[in-house]
Amino acid sequence: MEIKINEKTYKLNFGIMFLRKLDAVHYIEEKGIKIGFGLNSVVPGLISRNAATLSEVLYYALWLNKDRPTQAQVDEFLENDANVEQLFHEVLIELQKSNVTRSSMKNLKGSLPEADKIAE
């Protein structure tokens, strides 16, 4: 998946590093042990079409770009240039396709709007 921000095309990657970045900010901590809860934290926001969640997910999925845009630039892109509804749909589809998120998304599939479900 790619997005274009400020006339530059960026690749998004929903792999292990994406999950690590989400888990670094979305976790449960008990007795000093942190358990990553990133994907489970953001999927409900994507399903409910929360634009702030979409911005965060896009930002972390841009990790592989050497000169990735800032969070503020991603926010501005969503506010001014993006087809936000289409992006929600595409991100949810990509999360269902990714080898490392597919299993978790399958467990959440019943929560997804029909338009965001990929055919099996």
PDB file of N, CA and C in Angstrom:
ATOM      1  N   MET A   1       0.854  -1.176   0.000  1.00  0.00           N
ATOM      2  CA  MET A   1       0.000   0.000   0.000  1.00  0.00           C
ATOM      3  C   MET A   1       0.896   1.234   0.000  1.00  0.00           C
ATOM      4  N   GLU A   2       0.455   2.252  -0.703  1.00  0.00           N
ATOM      5  CA  GLU A   2       1.190   3.518  -0.779  1.00  0.00           C
ATOM      6  C   GLU A   2       0.234   4.680  -0.556  1.00  0.00           C
ATOM      7  N   ILE A   3       0.793   5.769  -0.039  1.00  0.00           N
ATOM      8  CA  ILE A   3       0.062   7.029   0.057  1.00  0.00           C
ATOM      9  C   ILE A   3       0.964   8.141  -0.445  1.00  0.00           C
ATOM     10  N   LYS A   4       0.331   9.210  -0.904  1.00  0.00           N
ATOM     11  CA  LYS A   4       1.077  10.343  -1.432  1.00  0.00           C
ATOM     12  C   LYS A   4       0.832  11.553  -0.529  1.00  0.00           C
ATOM     13  N   ILE A   5       1.913  12.041   0.084  1.00  0.00           N
ATOM     14  CA  ILE A   5       1.846  13.201   0.972  1.00  0.00           C
ATOM     15  C   ILE A   5       2.804  14.255   0.438  1.00  0.00           C
ATOM     16  N   ASN A   6       2.295  15.457   0.239  1.00  0.00           N
ATOM     17  CA  ASN A   6       3.119  16.563  -0.278  1.00  0.00           C
ATOM     18  C   ASN A   6       3.856  16.166  -1.552  1.00  0.00           C
ATOM     19  N   GLU A   7       3.118  15.564  -2.478  1.00  0.00           N
ATOM     20  CA  GLU A   7       3.652  15.177  -3.790  1.00  0.00           C
ATOM     21  C   GLU A   7       4.708  14.080  -3.731  1.00  0.00           C
ATOM     22  N   LYS A   8       4.888  13.426  -2.590  1.00  0.00           N
ATOM     23  CA  LYS A   8       5.849  12.336  -2.480  1.00  0.00           C
ATOM     24  C   LYS A   8       5.102  11.060  -2.106  1.00  0.00           C
ATOM     25  N   THR A   9       5.449   9.970  -2.787  1.00  0.00           N
ATOM     26  CA  THR A   9       4.812   8.680  -2.540  1.00  0.00           C
ATOM     27  C   THR A   9       5.597   7.910  -1.490  1.00  0.00           C
ATOM     28  N   TYR A  10       4.865   7.372  -0.512  1.00  0.00           N
ATOM     29  CA  TYR A  10       5.462   6.609   0.579  1.00  0.00           C
ATOM     30  C   TYR A  10       4.837   5.224   0.632  1.00  0.00           C
ATOM     31  N   LYS A  11       5.654   4.239   0.970  1.00  0.00           N
ATOM     32  CA  LYS A  11       5.165   2.873   1.144  1.00  0.00           C
ATOM     33  C   LYS A  11       4.783   2.667   2.601  1.00  0.00           C
ATOM     34  N   LEU A  12       3.724   1.899   2.790  1.00  0.00           N
ATOM     35  CA  LEU A  12       3.312   1.511   4.130  1.00  0.00           C
ATOM     36  C   LEU A  12       3.598   0.031   4.305  1.00  0.00           C
ATOM     37  N   ASN A  13       3.998  -0.351   5.517  1.00  0.00           N
ATOM     38  CA  ASN A  13       4.303  -1.736   5.805  1.00  0.00           C
ATOM     39  C   ASN A  13       3.665  -2.104   7.131  1.00  0.00           C
ATOM     40  N   PHE A  14       2.837  -3.145   7.095  1.00  0.00           N
ATOM     41  CA  PHE A  14       2.109  -3.597   8.277  1.00  0.00           C
ATOM     42  C   PHE A  14       2.705  -4.895   8.820  1.00  0.00           C
ATOM     43  N   GLY A  15       4.026  -4.935   8.897  1.00  0.00           N
ATOM     44  CA  GLY A  15       4.734  -6.127   9.355  1.00  0.00           C
ATOM     45  C   GLY A  15       5.138  -6.057  10.819  1.00  0.00           C
ATOM     46  N   ILE A  16       6.167  -6.819  11.149  1.00  0.00           N
ATOM     47  CA  ILE A  16       6.635  -6.941  12.540  1.00  0.00           C
ATOM     48  C   ILE A  16       7.048  -5.593  13.126  1.00  0.00           C
ATOM     49  N   MET A  17       7.809  -4.803  12.378  1.00  0.00           N
ATOM     50  CA  MET A  17       8.255  -3.515  12.916  1.00  0.00           C
ATOM     51  C   MET A  17       7.065  -2.605  13.198  1.00  0.00           C
ATOM     52  N   PHE A  18       6.073  -2.643  12.350  1.00  0.00           N
ATOM     53  CA  PHE A  18       4.840  -1.893  12.587  1.00  0.00           C
ATOM     54  C   PHE A  18       4.223  -2.308  13.923  1.00  0.00           C
ATOM     55  N   LEU A  19       4.124  -3.623  14.153  1.00  0.00           N
ATOM     56  CA  LEU A  19       3.568  -4.113  15.412  1.00  0.00           C
ATOM     57  C   LEU A  19       4.424  -3.690  16.608  1.00  0.00           C
ATOM     58  N   ARG A  20       5.734  -3.750  16.457  1.00  0.00           N
ATOM     59  CA  ARG A  20       6.621  -3.336  17.557  1.00  0.00           C
ATOM     60  C   ARG A  20       6.419  -1.868  17.903  1.00  0.00           C
ATOM     61  N   LYS A  21       6.266  -1.040  16.882  1.00  0.00           N
ATOM     62  CA  LYS A  21       6.071   0.385  17.124  1.00  0.00           C
ATOM     63  C   LYS A  21       4.733   0.649  17.819  1.00  0.00           C
ATOM     64  N   LEU A  22       3.689  -0.046  17.395  1.00  0.00           N
ATOM     65  CA  LEU A  22       2.395   0.085  18.076  1.00  0.00           C
ATOM     66  C   LEU A  22       2.482  -0.424  19.516  1.00  0.00           C
ATOM     67  N   ASP A  23       3.118  -1.573  19.703  1.00  0.00           N
ATOM     68  CA  ASP A  23       3.228  -2.157  21.039  1.00  0.00           C
ATOM     69  C   ASP A  23       4.035  -1.288  21.992  1.00  0.00           C
ATOM     70  N   ALA A  24       4.953  -0.486  21.449  1.00  0.00           N
ATOM     71  CA  ALA A  24       5.770   0.389  22.298  1.00  0.00           C
ATOM     72  C   ALA A  24       4.930   1.485  22.964  1.00  0.00           C
ATOM     73  N   VAL A  25       3.812   1.841  22.356  1.00  0.00           N
ATOM     74  CA  VAL A  25       2.960   2.894  22.927  1.00  0.00           C
ATOM     75  C   VAL A  25       1.624   2.371  23.445  1.00  0.00           C
ATOM     76  N   HIS A  26       1.247   1.180  23.034  1.00  0.00           N
ATOM     77  CA  HIS A  26      -0.017   0.564  23.478  1.00  0.00           C
ATOM     78  C   HIS A  26       0.322  -0.759  24.159  1.00  0.00           C
ATOM     79  N   TYR A  27       0.371  -0.734  25.457  1.00  0.00           N
ATOM     80  CA  TYR A  27       0.723  -1.953  26.180  1.00  0.00           C
ATOM     81  C   TYR A  27       0.015  -1.991  27.535  1.00  0.00           C
ATOM     82  N   ILE A  28       0.003  -3.181  28.078  1.00  0.00           N
ATOM     83  CA  ILE A  28      -0.495  -3.393  29.424  1.00  0.00           C
ATOM     84  C   ILE A  28       0.734  -3.722  30.265  1.00  0.00           C
ATOM     85  N   GLU A  29       0.832  -3.109  31.429  1.00  0.00           N
ATOM     86  CA  GLU A  29       1.979  -3.383  32.297  1.00  0.00           C
ATOM     87  C   GLU A  29       1.487  -3.901  33.638  1.00  0.00           C
ATOM     88  N   GLU A  30       2.068  -5.007  34.033  1.00  0.00           N
ATOM     89  CA  GLU A  30       1.747  -5.570  35.339  1.00  0.00           C
ATOM     90  C   GLU A  30       3.025  -6.108  35.960  1.00  0.00           C
ATOM     91  N   LYS A  31       3.298  -5.662  37.179  1.00  0.00           N
ATOM     92  CA  LYS A  31       4.485  -6.094  37.924  1.00  0.00           C
ATOM     93  C   LYS A  31       5.762  -5.881  37.108  1.00  0.00           C
ATOM     94  N   GLY A  32       5.812  -4.754  36.411  1.00  0.00           N
ATOM     95  CA  GLY A  32       6.992  -4.400  35.647  1.00  0.00           C
ATOM     96  C   GLY A  32       7.138  -5.098  34.307  1.00  0.00           C
ATOM     97  N   ILE A  33       6.193  -5.912  33.928  1.00  0.00           N
ATOM     98  CA  ILE A  33       6.239  -6.616  32.648  1.00  0.00           C
ATOM     99  C   ILE A  33       5.266  -5.939  31.693  1.00  0.00           C
ATOM    100  N   LYS A  34       5.785  -5.549  30.533  1.00  0.00           N
ATOM    101  CA  LYS A  34       4.964  -4.899  29.523  1.00  0.00           C
ATOM    102  C   LYS A  34       4.543  -5.926  28.469  1.00  0.00           C
ATOM    103  N   ILE A  35       3.270  -5.948  28.192  1.00  0.00           N
ATOM    104  CA  ILE A  35       2.727  -6.829  27.159  1.00  0.00           C
ATOM    105  C   ILE A  35       2.122  -5.951  26.074  1.00  0.00           C
ATOM    106  N   GLY A  36       2.660  -6.059  24.864  1.00  0.00           N
ATOM    107  CA  GLY A  36       2.174  -5.262  23.749  1.00  0.00           C
ATOM    108  C   GLY A  36       0.716  -5.545  23.435  1.00  0.00           C
ATOM    109  N   PHE A  37      -0.013  -4.487  23.223  1.00  0.00           N
ATOM    110  CA  PHE A  37      -1.446  -4.582  22.955  1.00  0.00           C
ATOM    111  C   PHE A  37      -1.817  -3.652  21.805  1.00  0.00           C
ATOM    112  N   GLY A  38      -0.832  -3.347  20.951  1.00  0.00           N
ATOM    113  CA  GLY A  38      -0.994  -2.333  19.920  1.00  0.00           C
ATOM    114  C   GLY A  38      -2.112  -2.565  18.934  1.00  0.00           C
ATOM    115  N   LEU A  39      -2.090  -3.699  18.264  1.00  0.00           N
ATOM    116  CA  LEU A  39      -3.099  -3.950  17.239  1.00  0.00           C
ATOM    117  C   LEU A  39      -4.496  -4.003  17.851  1.00  0.00           C
ATOM    118  N   ASN A  40      -4.606  -4.674  18.984  1.00  0.00           N
ATOM    119  CA  ASN A  40      -5.910  -4.752  19.653  1.00  0.00           C
ATOM    120  C   ASN A  40      -6.401  -3.387  20.117  1.00  0.00           C
ATOM    121  N   SER A  41      -5.490  -2.460  20.333  1.00  0.00           N
ATOM    122  CA  SER A  41      -5.873  -1.108  20.749  1.00  0.00           C
ATOM    123  C   SER A  41      -6.366  -0.252  19.593  1.00  0.00           C
ATOM    124  N   VAL A  42      -5.780  -0.434  18.415  1.00  0.00           N
ATOM    125  CA  VAL A  42      -6.112   0.468  17.310  1.00  0.00           C
ATOM    126  C   VAL A  42      -7.229  -0.025  16.400  1.00  0.00           C
ATOM    127  N   VAL A  43      -7.430  -1.335  16.308  1.00  0.00           N
ATOM    128  CA  VAL A  43      -8.458  -1.843  15.395  1.00  0.00           C
ATOM    129  C   VAL A  43      -9.847  -1.299  15.730  1.00  0.00           C
ATOM    130  N   PRO A  44     -10.260  -1.260  17.004  1.00  0.00           N
ATOM    131  CA  PRO A  44     -11.582  -0.672  17.283  1.00  0.00           C
ATOM    132  C   PRO A  44     -11.709   0.777  16.798  1.00  0.00           C
ATOM    133  N   GLY A  45     -10.635   1.543  16.894  1.00  0.00           N
ATOM    134  CA  GLY A  45     -10.657   2.916  16.400  1.00  0.00           C
ATOM    135  C   GLY A  45     -10.788   2.978  14.887  1.00  0.00           C
ATOM    136  N   LEU A  46     -10.149   2.034  14.200  1.00  0.00           N
ATOM    137  CA  LEU A  46     -10.284   1.979  12.738  1.00  0.00           C
ATOM    138  C   LEU A  46     -11.693   1.575  12.341  1.00  0.00           C
ATOM    139  N   ILE A  47     -12.245   0.608  13.040  1.00  0.00           N
ATOM    140  CA  ILE A  47     -13.603   0.149  12.739  1.00  0.00           C
ATOM    141  C   ILE A  47     -14.610   1.269  12.960  1.00  0.00           C
ATOM    142  N   SER A  48     -14.407   2.044  14.038  1.00  0.00           N
ATOM    143  CA  SER A  48     -15.349   3.133  14.343  1.00  0.00           C
ATOM    144  C   SER A  48     -15.031   4.413  13.575  1.00  0.00           C
ATOM    145  N   ARG A  49     -14.022   4.339  12.699  1.00  0.00           N
ATOM    146  CA  ARG A  49     -13.645   5.456  11.822  1.00  0.00           C
ATOM    147  C   ARG A  49     -13.130   6.675  12.593  1.00  0.00           C
ATOM    148  N   ASN A  50     -12.247   6.413  13.565  1.00  0.00           N
ATOM    149  CA  ASN A  50     -11.607   7.472  14.340  1.00  0.00           C
ATOM    150  C   ASN A  50     -10.382   7.965  13.559  1.00  0.00           C
ATOM    151  N   ALA A  51     -10.422   9.206  13.105  1.00  0.00           N
ATOM    152  CA  ALA A  51      -9.361   9.751  12.255  1.00  0.00           C
ATOM    153  C   ALA A  51      -8.023   9.850  12.982  1.00  0.00           C
ATOM    154  N   ALA A  52      -8.028  10.113  14.278  1.00  0.00           N
ATOM    155  CA  ALA A  52      -6.771  10.179  15.035  1.00  0.00           C
ATOM    156  C   ALA A  52      -6.104   8.806  15.063  1.00  0.00           C
ATOM    157  N   THR A  53      -6.903   7.763  15.197  1.00  0.00           N
ATOM    158  CA  THR A  53      -6.356   6.402  15.167  1.00  0.00           C
ATOM    159  C   THR A  53      -5.789   6.095  13.788  1.00  0.00           C
ATOM    160  N   LEU A  54      -6.502   6.471  12.745  1.00  0.00           N
ATOM    161  CA  LEU A  54      -6.010   6.255  11.385  1.00  0.00           C
ATOM    162  C   LEU A  54      -4.676   6.951  11.185  1.00  0.00           C
ATOM    163  N   SER A  55      -4.560   8.169  11.661  1.00  0.00           N
ATOM    164  CA  SER A  55      -3.312   8.920  11.532  1.00  0.00           C
ATOM    165  C   SER A  55      -2.161   8.197  12.229  1.00  0.00           C
ATOM    166  N   GLU A  56      -2.423   7.710  13.428  1.00  0.00           N
ATOM    167  CA  GLU A  56      -1.384   6.987  14.172  1.00  0.00           C
ATOM    168  C   GLU A  56      -0.972   5.711  13.441  1.00  0.00           C
ATOM    169  N   VAL A  57      -1.938   4.960  12.957  1.00  0.00           N
ATOM    170  CA  VAL A  57      -1.654   3.715  12.250  1.00  0.00           C
ATOM    171  C   VAL A  57      -0.845   3.995  10.985  1.00  0.00           C
ATOM    172  N   LEU A  58      -1.238   4.996  10.229  1.00  0.00           N
ATOM    173  CA  LEU A  58      -0.479   5.354   9.023  1.00  0.00           C
ATOM    174  C   LEU A  58       0.946   5.755   9.383  1.00  0.00           C
ATOM    175  N   TYR A  59       1.083   6.575  10.404  1.00  0.00           N
ATOM    176  CA  TYR A  59       2.418   7.028  10.820  1.00  0.00           C
ATOM    177  C   TYR A  59       3.327   5.843  11.148  1.00  0.00           C
ATOM    178  N   TYR A  60       2.845   4.904  11.928  1.00  0.00           N
ATOM    179  CA  TYR A  60       3.680   3.754  12.280  1.00  0.00           C
ATOM    180  C   TYR A  60       3.903   2.827  11.095  1.00  0.00           C
ATOM    181  N   ALA A  61       2.951   2.736  10.183  1.00  0.00           N
ATOM    182  CA  ALA A  61       3.131   1.899   8.991  1.00  0.00           C
ATOM    183  C   ALA A  61       4.114   2.520   7.998  1.00  0.00           C
ATOM    184  N   LEU A  62       4.423   3.789   8.165  1.00  0.00           N
ATOM    185  CA  LEU A  62       5.392   4.465   7.305  1.00  0.00           C
ATOM    186  C   LEU A  62       6.835   4.264   7.775  1.00  0.00           C
ATOM    187  N   TRP A  63       7.049   3.432   8.773  1.00  0.00           N
ATOM    188  CA  TRP A  63       8.348   3.262   9.423  1.00  0.00           C
ATOM    189  C   TRP A  63       9.480   2.950   8.453  1.00  0.00           C
ATOM    190  N   LEU A  64       9.215   2.269   7.362  1.00  0.00           N
ATOM    191  CA  LEU A  64      10.307   1.833   6.491  1.00  0.00           C
ATOM    192  C   LEU A  64      10.842   2.924   5.570  1.00  0.00           C
ATOM    193  N   ASN A  65      10.159   4.050   5.508  1.00  0.00           N
ATOM    194  CA  ASN A  65      10.617   5.150   4.660  1.00  0.00           C
ATOM    195  C   ASN A  65      11.693   5.944   5.391  1.00  0.00           C
ATOM    196  N   LYS A  66      12.854   6.054   4.763  1.00  0.00           N
ATOM    197  CA  LYS A  66      13.992   6.734   5.394  1.00  0.00           C
ATOM    198  C   LYS A  66      13.637   8.162   5.806  1.00  0.00           C
ATOM    199  N   ASP A  67      12.900   8.842   4.981  1.00  0.00           N
ATOM    200  CA  ASP A  67      12.506  10.229   5.269  1.00  0.00           C
ATOM    201  C   ASP A  67      10.993  10.309   5.451  1.00  0.00           C
ATOM    202  N   ARG A  68      10.484   9.486   6.358  1.00  0.00           N
ATOM    203  CA  ARG A  68       9.031   9.424   6.527  1.00  0.00           C
ATOM    204  C   ARG A  68       8.478  10.757   7.002  1.00  0.00           C
ATOM    205  N   PRO A  69       7.237  11.040   6.656  1.00  0.00           N
ATOM    206  CA  PRO A  69       6.615  12.288   7.100  1.00  0.00           C
ATOM    207  C   PRO A  69       6.405  12.268   8.617  1.00  0.00           C
ATOM    208  N   THR A  70       6.296  13.437   9.186  1.00  0.00           N
ATOM    209  CA  THR A  70       6.040  13.556  10.615  1.00  0.00           C
ATOM    210  C   THR A  70       4.579  13.222  10.899  1.00  0.00           C
ATOM    211  N   GLN A  71       4.274  13.033  12.176  1.00  0.00           N
ATOM    212  CA  GLN A  71       2.878  12.790  12.558  1.00  0.00           C
ATOM    213  C   GLN A  71       2.021  13.990  12.146  1.00  0.00           C
ATOM    214  N   ALA A  72       2.558  15.192  12.313  1.00  0.00           N
ATOM    215  CA  ALA A  72       1.818  16.404  11.927  1.00  0.00           C
ATOM    216  C   ALA A  72       1.535  16.424  10.420  1.00  0.00           C
ATOM    217  N   GLN A  73       2.476  15.969   9.614  1.00  0.00           N
ATOM    218  CA  GLN A  73       2.262  15.929   8.166  1.00  0.00           C
ATOM    219  C   GLN A  73       1.208  14.876   7.796  1.00  0.00           C
ATOM    220  N   VAL A  74       1.198  13.761   8.504  1.00  0.00           N
ATOM    221  CA  VAL A  74       0.169  12.749   8.263  1.00  0.00           C
ATOM    222  C   VAL A  74      -1.199  13.319   8.645  1.00  0.00           C
ATOM    223  N   ASP A  75      -1.266  14.022   9.778  1.00  0.00           N
ATOM    224  CA  ASP A  75      -2.517  14.661  10.195  1.00  0.00           C
ATOM    225  C   ASP A  75      -3.009  15.645   9.137  1.00  0.00           C
ATOM    226  N   GLU A  76      -2.113  16.464   8.653  1.00  0.00           N
ATOM    227  CA  GLU A  76      -2.475  17.466   7.640  1.00  0.00           C
ATOM    228  C   GLU A  76      -2.960  16.793   6.353  1.00  0.00           C
ATOM    229  N   PHE A  77      -2.276  15.724   5.959  1.00  0.00           N
ATOM    230  CA  PHE A  77      -2.684  14.947   4.784  1.00  0.00           C
ATOM    231  C   PHE A  77      -4.127  14.459   4.946  1.00  0.00           C
ATOM    232  N   LEU A  78      -4.450  13.904   6.116  1.00  0.00           N
ATOM    233  CA  LEU A  78      -5.808  13.410   6.351  1.00  0.00           C
ATOM    234  C   LEU A  78      -6.826  14.537   6.358  1.00  0.00           C
ATOM    235  N   GLU A  79      -6.461  15.657   6.946  1.00  0.00           N
ATOM    236  CA  GLU A  79      -7.390  16.783   7.046  1.00  0.00           C
ATOM    237  C   GLU A  79      -7.669  17.451   5.706  1.00  0.00           C
ATOM    238  N   ASN A  80      -6.679  17.481   4.823  1.00  0.00           N
ATOM    239  CA  ASN A  80      -6.798  18.295   3.615  1.00  0.00           C
ATOM    240  C   ASN A  80      -6.808  17.549   2.288  1.00  0.00           C
ATOM    241  N   ASP A  81      -6.137  16.398   2.216  1.00  0.00           N
ATOM    242  CA  ASP A  81      -5.911  15.798   0.900  1.00  0.00           C
ATOM    243  C   ASP A  81      -6.447  14.385   0.710  1.00  0.00           C
ATOM    244  N   ALA A  82      -6.683  13.673   1.773  1.00  0.00           N
ATOM    245  CA  ALA A  82      -6.984  12.240   1.664  1.00  0.00           C
ATOM    246  C   ALA A  82      -8.467  11.959   1.509  1.00  0.00           C
ATOM    247  N   ASN A  83      -8.739  10.830   0.882  1.00  0.00           N
ATOM    248  CA  ASN A  83     -10.072  10.249   0.904  1.00  0.00           C
ATOM    249  C   ASN A  83     -10.069   9.371   2.161  1.00  0.00           C
ATOM    250  N   VAL A  84     -10.484   9.931   3.275  1.00  0.00           N
ATOM    251  CA  VAL A  84     -10.349   9.281   4.579  1.00  0.00           C
ATOM    252  C   VAL A  84     -11.121   7.970   4.636  1.00  0.00           C
ATOM    253  N   GLU A  85     -12.340   7.955   4.144  1.00  0.00           N
ATOM    254  CA  GLU A  85     -13.133   6.724   4.180  1.00  0.00           C
ATOM    255  C   GLU A  85     -12.444   5.609   3.399  1.00  0.00           C
ATOM    256  N   GLN A  86     -11.892   5.938   2.250  1.00  0.00           N
ATOM    257  CA  GLN A  86     -11.168   4.941   1.448  1.00  0.00           C
ATOM    258  C   GLN A  86      -9.938   4.437   2.191  1.00  0.00           C
ATOM    259  N   LEU A  87      -9.241   5.322   2.890  1.00  0.00           N
ATOM    260  CA  LEU A  87      -8.059   4.911   3.650  1.00  0.00           C
ATOM    261  C   LEU A  87      -8.424   3.963   4.799  1.00  0.00           C
ATOM    262  N   PHE A  88      -9.505   4.248   5.505  1.00  0.00           N
ATOM    263  CA  PHE A  88      -9.941   3.321   6.555  1.00  0.00           C
ATOM    264  C   PHE A  88     -10.134   1.924   5.956  1.00  0.00           C
ATOM    265  N   HIS A  89     -10.841   1.873   4.856  1.00  0.00           N
ATOM    266  CA  HIS A  89     -11.117   0.598   4.189  1.00  0.00           C
ATOM    267  C   HIS A  89      -9.815  -0.098   3.778  1.00  0.00           C
ATOM    268  N   GLU A  90      -8.924   0.620   3.109  1.00  0.00           N
ATOM    269  CA  GLU A  90      -7.677   0.032   2.619  1.00  0.00           C
ATOM    270  C   GLU A  90      -6.795  -0.467   3.757  1.00  0.00           C
ATOM    271  N   VAL A  91      -6.711   0.305   4.845  1.00  0.00           N
ATOM    272  CA  VAL A  91      -5.884  -0.106   5.981  1.00  0.00           C
ATOM    273  C   VAL A  91      -6.444  -1.377   6.618  1.00  0.00           C
ATOM    274  N   LEU A  92      -7.751  -1.438   6.811  1.00  0.00           N
ATOM    275  CA  LEU A  92      -8.344  -2.645   7.389  1.00  0.00           C
ATOM    276  C   LEU A  92      -8.131  -3.862   6.490  1.00  0.00           C
ATOM    277  N   ILE A  93      -8.212  -3.675   5.199  1.00  0.00           N
ATOM    278  CA  ILE A  93      -7.950  -4.770   4.255  1.00  0.00           C
ATOM    279  C   ILE A  93      -6.489  -5.202   4.341  1.00  0.00           C
ATOM    280  N   GLU A  94      -5.579  -4.240   4.358  1.00  0.00           N
ATOM    281  CA  GLU A  94      -4.144  -4.566   4.447  1.00  0.00           C
ATOM    282  C   GLU A  94      -3.813  -5.305   5.736  1.00  0.00           C
ATOM    283  N   LEU A  95      -4.436  -4.914   6.831  1.00  0.00           N
ATOM    284  CA  LEU A  95      -4.207  -5.603   8.104  1.00  0.00           C
ATOM    285  C   LEU A  95      -4.704  -7.043   8.046  1.00  0.00           C
ATOM    286  N   GLN A  96      -5.745  -7.294   7.265  1.00  0.00           N
ATOM    287  CA  GLN A  96      -6.248  -8.661   7.096  1.00  0.00           C
ATOM    288  C   GLN A  96      -5.347  -9.487   6.182  1.00  0.00           C
ATOM    289  N   LYS A  97      -4.590  -8.826   5.320  1.00  0.00           N
ATOM    290  CA  LYS A  97      -3.705  -9.514   4.384  1.00  0.00           C
ATOM    291  C   LYS A  97      -2.309  -9.771   4.952  1.00  0.00           C
ATOM    292  N   SER A  98      -1.831  -8.899   5.813  1.00  0.00           N
ATOM    293  CA  SER A  98      -0.462  -8.999   6.322  1.00  0.00           C
ATOM    294  C   SER A  98      -0.246 -10.322   7.042  1.00  0.00           C
ATOM    295  N   ASN A  99       0.851 -10.949   6.765  1.00  0.00           N
ATOM    296  CA  ASN A  99       1.165 -12.238   7.360  1.00  0.00           C
ATOM    297  C   ASN A  99       1.198 -12.184   8.888  1.00  0.00           C
ATOM    298  N   VAL A 100       1.628 -11.075   9.459  1.00  0.00           N
ATOM    299  CA  VAL A 100       1.785 -10.994  10.918  1.00  0.00           C
ATOM    300  C   VAL A 100       0.555 -10.443  11.638  1.00  0.00           C
ATOM    301  N   THR A 101      -0.384  -9.868  10.914  1.00  0.00           N
ATOM    302  CA  THR A 101      -1.595  -9.345  11.559  1.00  0.00           C
ATOM    303  C   THR A 101      -2.842 -10.138  11.173  1.00  0.00           C
ATOM    304  N   ARG A 102      -2.719 -10.976  10.178  1.00  0.00           N
ATOM    305  CA  ARG A 102      -3.863 -11.731   9.642  1.00  0.00           C
ATOM    306  C   ARG A 102      -4.599 -12.523  10.723  1.00  0.00           C
ATOM    307  N   SER A 103      -3.857 -13.234  11.549  1.00  0.00           N
ATOM    308  CA  SER A 103      -4.476 -14.078  12.572  1.00  0.00           C
ATOM    309  C   SER A 103      -5.293 -13.253  13.565  1.00  0.00           C
ATOM    310  N   SER A 104      -4.719 -12.151  14.040  1.00  0.00           N
ATOM    311  CA  SER A 104      -5.445 -11.281  14.970  1.00  0.00           C
ATOM    312  C   SER A 104      -6.673 -10.679  14.306  1.00  0.00           C
ATOM    313  N   MET A 105      -6.533 -10.276  13.066  1.00  0.00           N
ATOM    314  CA  MET A 105      -7.661  -9.679  12.354  1.00  0.00           C
ATOM    315  C   MET A 105      -8.760 -10.701  12.109  1.00  0.00           C
ATOM    316  N   LYS A 106      -8.372 -11.949  11.901  1.00  0.00           N
ATOM    317  CA  LYS A 106      -9.372 -12.997  11.710  1.00  0.00           C
ATOM    318  C   LYS A 106     -10.242 -13.131  12.959  1.00  0.00           C
ATOM    319  N   ASN A 107      -9.620 -13.010  14.134  1.00  0.00           N
ATOM    320  CA  ASN A 107     -10.372 -13.066  15.389  1.00  0.00           C
ATOM    321  C   ASN A 107     -11.327 -11.890  15.528  1.00  0.00           C
ATOM    322  N   LEU A 108     -10.981 -10.761  14.921  1.00  0.00           N
ATOM    323  CA  LEU A 108     -11.809  -9.558  15.008  1.00  0.00           C
ATOM    324  C   LEU A 108     -12.763  -9.414  13.830  1.00  0.00           C
ATOM    325  N   LYS A 109     -12.704 -10.336  12.882  1.00  0.00           N
ATOM    326  CA  LYS A 109     -13.445 -10.206  11.630  1.00  0.00           C
ATOM    327  C   LYS A 109     -14.942  -9.972  11.834  1.00  0.00           C
ATOM    328  N   GLY A 110     -15.520 -10.590  12.857  1.00  0.00           N
ATOM    329  CA  GLY A 110     -16.938 -10.398  13.120  1.00  0.00           C
ATOM    330  C   GLY A 110     -17.283  -8.963  13.462  1.00  0.00           C
ATOM    331  N   SER A 111     -16.291  -8.208  13.919  1.00  0.00           N
ATOM    332  CA  SER A 111     -16.509  -6.804  14.272  1.00  0.00           C
ATOM    333  C   SER A 111     -16.411  -5.877  13.071  1.00  0.00           C
ATOM    334  N   LEU A 112     -15.803  -6.354  11.998  1.00  0.00           N
ATOM    335  CA  LEU A 112     -15.567  -5.502  10.829  1.00  0.00           C
ATOM    336  C   LEU A 112     -16.842  -5.257  10.038  1.00  0.00           C
ATOM    337  N   PRO A 113     -17.022  -4.035   9.553  1.00  0.00           N
ATOM    338  CA  PRO A 113     -18.127  -3.776   8.631  1.00  0.00           C
ATOM    339  C   PRO A 113     -17.950  -4.642   7.379  1.00  0.00           C
ATOM    340  N   GLU A 114     -19.033  -5.081   6.782  1.00  0.00           N
ATOM    341  CA  GLU A 114     -18.970  -5.958   5.608  1.00  0.00           C
ATOM    342  C   GLU A 114     -18.058  -5.404   4.522  1.00  0.00           C
ATOM    343  N   ALA A 115     -18.088  -4.114   4.307  1.00  0.00           N
ATOM    344  CA  ALA A 115     -17.285  -3.514   3.238  1.00  0.00           C
ATOM    345  C   ALA A 115     -15.781  -3.673   3.484  1.00  0.00           C
ATOM    346  N   ASP A 116     -15.400  -3.902   4.741  1.00  0.00           N
ATOM    347  CA  ASP A 116     -13.972  -4.006   5.080  1.00  0.00           C
ATOM    348  C   ASP A 116     -13.482  -5.437   5.202  1.00  0.00           C
ATOM    349  N   LYS A 117     -14.332  -6.403   4.935  1.00  0.00           N
ATOM    350  CA  LYS A 117     -13.939  -7.799   5.023  1.00  0.00           C
ATOM    351  C   LYS A 117     -13.422  -8.270   3.688  1.00  0.00           C
ATOM    352  N   ILE A 118     -12.302  -8.963   3.726  1.00  0.00           N
ATOM    353  CA  ILE A 118     -11.800  -9.535   2.477  1.00  0.00           C
ATOM    354  C   ILE A 118     -12.408 -10.915   2.300  1.00  0.00           C
ATOM    355  N   ALA A 119     -12.541 -11.318   1.075  1.00  0.00           N
ATOM    356  CA  ALA A 119     -13.089 -12.637   0.776  1.00  0.00           C
ATOM    357  C   ALA A 119     -12.069 -13.697   1.169  1.00  0.00           C
ATOM    358  N   GLU A 120     -12.558 -14.802   1.635  1.00  0.00           N
ATOM    359  CA  GLU A 120     -11.643 -15.885   2.031  1.00  0.00           C
ATOM    360  C   GLU A 120     -11.460 -16.866   0.914  1.00  0.00           C
TER     361      GLU A 120
END
